[in-house]
Amino acid sequence: MLKVNDLQVSYGAIKALRGISFKVEKGQVVTLIGSNGAGKTTSLHAISNIIEKSGGKIFFNGSEIQNLSSEKIVSQGLIQVPEGRRVFANMTVKENLEMGAYLRKDKKEIRRDLDFVYETFPRLKERLHQTSGTLSGGEQQMLAMGRALMSKPSLLLLDEPSMGLAPILVEEIFSIIETINAQGTTVLLVEQNAYKALAIANYAYILETGVIIKEGEAKTLLKDAEVKAAYLGT
């Protein structure tokens, strides 16, 4: 579904990504893990064409997308939920969700997807007319994910969805990611909580200073001694 070949990104003299390659198969949850500054968020921004790339190719469903506009990439079903939620704080929950479907014309399908979002995030349904900026951090994360689902993604890019959340909400967010995936949405997950990410992922890549240093089945990496020592606190 997604194939990244020799992706390179530089910020001036700093090489943030040094020619990384990875892929995401349809139906999977694939995770990129690594410490701060490893290049995880940069990878997602490069895929979504939010930042300029200095080299490499990106294929989505067999077609090159590295030169497409961000809006065109969204229209093809590749949707990113950014780090820090970035909901429209002065708009209501309902208005935020409706903004997620701004490129769509299929009103019947939009209604069905809205019902799915309400079912997946019942707290959002309870707060439909509440201003989004007044929601808790966990509720804003749910709203950001719900808004992305309203774009009808075939591939969902999630950037640090558990950041800043209480442990009980972290559990809930990861459970929701599993539900979204089970409903047919492929997920590329960037996450500092390596244990939780590896626990729900099919496959994982480990980034370190812009280079992929290890990859493999997520369950296998959970048991890897080096991974445990470096990222799992054991």
Foldseek 3Di string as FASTA:
>chain_A
DKWWFQWWDADVVATLAGGEIDDFDFLFEEEEEEDPSLNLLVVVCQQLVVDDTPDTFMDDPRHTPSPPHSVVVLLVQEEEQDPPLPFPQQAFLQVLLVVLQVVDDPVVVLVVLLVVLCVLPVVCVVGRRPGLNPDDLLVSLSSSVSSPVSSVHQEYEYEASCPPHDPVSSVSVLVSVLVVSVVGHYYYYYHLLLVSSLVRGQKYFYGGSNYTPDIDGSVVLNPDPVCCVPRVVD
